[in-house]
Protein backbone atom coordinates (compact mmCIF):
# COMPACT_ATOMS: atom_id res chain seq x y z
CA MET A 1 -39.47 -3.07 -10.48
CA ASN A 2 -38.37 -3.40 -14.09
CA ASP A 3 -35.16 -5.41 -14.68
CA ASP A 4 -35.08 -4.60 -18.42
CA PHE A 5 -32.10 -2.24 -18.78
CA SER A 6 -33.30 -1.01 -22.16
CA ALA A 7 -36.43 0.44 -20.51
CA ASP A 8 -34.84 1.73 -17.31
CA GLY A 9 -32.33 4.56 -17.65
CA GLY A 10 -30.88 4.35 -14.12
CA PRO A 11 -29.34 0.89 -14.34
CA ALA A 12 -28.28 1.55 -17.93
CA LEU A 13 -26.47 4.71 -16.85
CA PHE A 14 -24.59 2.86 -14.12
CA ARG A 15 -23.68 0.03 -16.49
CA LEU A 16 -22.07 2.64 -18.72
CA VAL A 17 -20.26 4.22 -15.77
CA ARG A 18 -18.88 0.82 -14.71
CA PHE A 19 -17.88 0.03 -18.30
CA TRP A 20 -15.96 3.29 -18.77
CA SER A 21 -14.44 3.44 -15.31
CA ARG A 22 -12.62 0.18 -16.12
CA ARG A 23 -11.52 1.25 -19.59
CA TRP A 24 -10.81 4.98 -19.31
CA ALA A 25 -7.24 4.70 -18.04
CA GLY A 26 -6.22 2.18 -20.68
CA GLN A 27 -7.77 3.89 -23.68
CA ALA A 28 -7.77 7.58 -22.88
CA VAL A 29 -5.30 10.26 -23.74
CA GLY A 30 -2.42 8.45 -22.07
CA GLU A 31 -1.39 6.77 -18.89
CA LEU A 32 -3.29 7.00 -15.60
CA GLY A 33 -1.50 10.19 -14.56
CA GLN A 34 -2.75 11.91 -17.69
CA VAL A 35 -6.31 10.79 -16.95
CA GLN A 36 -6.06 12.24 -13.45
CA HIS A 37 -4.71 15.46 -14.94
CA VAL A 38 -7.64 15.65 -17.34
CA LEU A 39 -10.13 15.17 -14.49
CA LEU A 40 -8.38 17.86 -12.45
CA LEU A 41 -8.12 20.31 -15.35
CA GLU A 42 -11.81 19.86 -16.14
CA ALA A 43 -12.62 20.62 -12.49
CA VAL A 44 -10.44 23.74 -12.56
CA ARG A 45 -12.01 24.94 -15.82
CA SER A 46 -15.55 24.40 -14.55
CA SER A 47 -15.01 26.10 -11.20
CA PRO A 48 -17.16 29.19 -10.72
CA GLY A 49 -14.83 32.13 -10.21
CA GLU A 50 -11.26 31.44 -9.18
CA ALA A 51 -10.43 27.78 -8.86
CA ASP A 52 -8.67 26.62 -5.70
CA VAL A 53 -7.77 23.30 -4.13
CA ALA A 54 -10.84 23.25 -1.85
CA GLY A 55 -13.22 23.83 -4.76
CA VAL A 56 -11.52 21.23 -6.91
CA ALA A 57 -11.61 18.73 -4.03
CA HIS A 58 -15.34 19.30 -3.70
CA GLN A 59 -15.96 18.88 -7.45
CA LEU A 60 -13.93 15.67 -7.61
CA GLY A 61 -15.32 14.22 -4.37
CA LEU A 62 -11.88 14.07 -2.77
CA ASP A 63 -10.49 15.20 0.54
CA HIS A 64 -8.28 18.30 0.54
CA SER A 65 -5.02 16.33 0.75
CA GLY A 66 -5.94 14.11 -2.21
CA ALA A 67 -6.81 17.12 -4.35
CA SER A 68 -3.67 18.89 -3.21
CA ARG A 69 -1.54 15.94 -4.39
CA MET A 70 -3.30 15.96 -7.76
CA VAL A 71 -2.66 19.70 -8.08
CA LYS A 72 1.00 19.24 -7.16
CA ASP A 73 1.37 16.53 -9.84
CA ALA A 74 -0.36 18.65 -12.49
CA VAL A 75 1.83 21.65 -11.62
CA ALA A 76 4.95 19.47 -11.89
CA ALA A 77 3.74 18.22 -15.29
CA GLY A 78 3.29 21.82 -16.46
CA HIS A 79 -0.49 21.59 -16.93
CA LEU A 80 -1.44 23.90 -14.09
CA VAL A 81 0.01 26.86 -12.20
CA ARG A 82 -0.68 28.08 -8.69
CA GLU A 83 -0.94 31.85 -8.39
CA THR A 84 -1.81 34.22 -5.61
CA SER A 85 -5.54 34.85 -5.57
CA GLU A 86 -6.66 38.24 -6.80
CA HIS A 87 -9.33 38.30 -4.06
CA ASP A 88 -7.45 36.89 -1.06
CA ARG A 89 -3.66 37.01 -1.05
CA ARG A 90 -3.56 34.14 1.49
CA ARG A 91 -5.16 31.73 -1.01
CA ALA A 92 -3.67 30.10 -4.08
CA ALA A 93 -5.67 30.26 -7.28
CA LEU A 94 -5.27 27.58 -9.94
CA ARG A 95 -4.93 28.31 -13.66
CA VAL A 96 -4.68 25.91 -16.61
CA THR A 97 -1.52 26.42 -18.71
CA GLY A 98 -1.10 26.09 -22.47
CA SER A 99 0.09 22.53 -21.94
CA GLY A 100 -3.03 21.82 -19.87
CA GLU A 101 -5.24 23.33 -22.57
CA ALA A 102 -3.57 21.07 -25.15
CA LEU A 103 -4.16 18.02 -22.93
CA LEU A 104 -7.83 18.98 -22.50
CA ALA A 105 -8.21 19.45 -26.26
CA ALA A 106 -6.71 16.00 -26.89
CA ALA A 107 -9.01 14.47 -24.26
CA ARG A 108 -12.07 16.09 -25.81
CA GLN A 109 -11.04 14.88 -29.26
CA TRP A 110 -10.71 11.32 -27.88
CA GLN A 111 -14.10 11.66 -26.12
CA ARG A 112 -15.77 12.75 -29.37
CA HIS A 113 -14.12 9.87 -31.21
CA VAL A 114 -15.41 7.36 -28.63
CA PHE A 115 -18.93 8.81 -28.83
CA ASP A 116 -18.83 8.62 -32.63
CA ASP A 117 -17.63 5.00 -32.49
CA LEU A 118 -20.26 3.96 -29.93
CA THR A 119 -23.10 5.53 -31.89
CA ALA A 120 -21.82 4.81 -35.41
CA SER A 121 -24.80 2.60 -36.24
CA TRP A 122 -27.34 5.21 -35.10
CA ASP A 123 -28.97 7.68 -37.43
CA GLU A 124 -27.71 11.24 -37.16
CA ALA A 125 -30.89 12.59 -35.51
CA ASP A 126 -30.64 10.01 -32.72
CA ARG A 127 -26.92 10.75 -32.21
CA ARG A 128 -27.55 14.49 -31.93
CA ARG A 129 -30.55 14.00 -29.63
CA PHE A 130 -28.65 11.62 -27.35
CA GLY A 131 -25.63 13.96 -27.29
CA ALA A 132 -27.92 16.86 -26.35
CA TYR A 133 -29.54 14.79 -23.57
CA LEU A 134 -26.12 13.81 -22.21
CA GLY A 135 -25.07 17.47 -22.22
CA ARG A 136 -28.30 18.43 -20.48
CA LEU A 137 -27.81 15.78 -17.80
CA ALA A 138 -24.22 16.89 -17.22
CA ASP A 139 -25.35 20.52 -16.93
CA ASP A 140 -28.17 19.61 -14.54
CA VAL A 141 -25.85 17.76 -12.17
CA GLY A 142 -23.18 20.46 -12.45
CA ALA A 143 -20.67 18.13 -14.08
């Protein structure tokens, strides 16, 4: 087994995850509640078809009650609305509001800024290639 992180992508990936999981809340778009809203809004936006609490819970790896609390908080903050589903009137569909879209745009701007800062010493071809590989990995895992 190779212990050299520079040659082994798995451990390097998890070092990055650990690094950012500790720093995200303090440096991101705002306070912890905003970070949770961003995660929830991203899950709603990436849901195939109509987003609902069960689908969002699955995407975020939460139980239904945890996702439901996050939805309630995001609705109260004005980032999300619950509407009657077009396909099943017994279900509630989730939709991102204009305020939620603005929060997502600010989060993406911050994410791009962080990526640019982290790779500032790289040549442009390497930055683009790495960005493309990250996008590919995220697409492959359904993130």
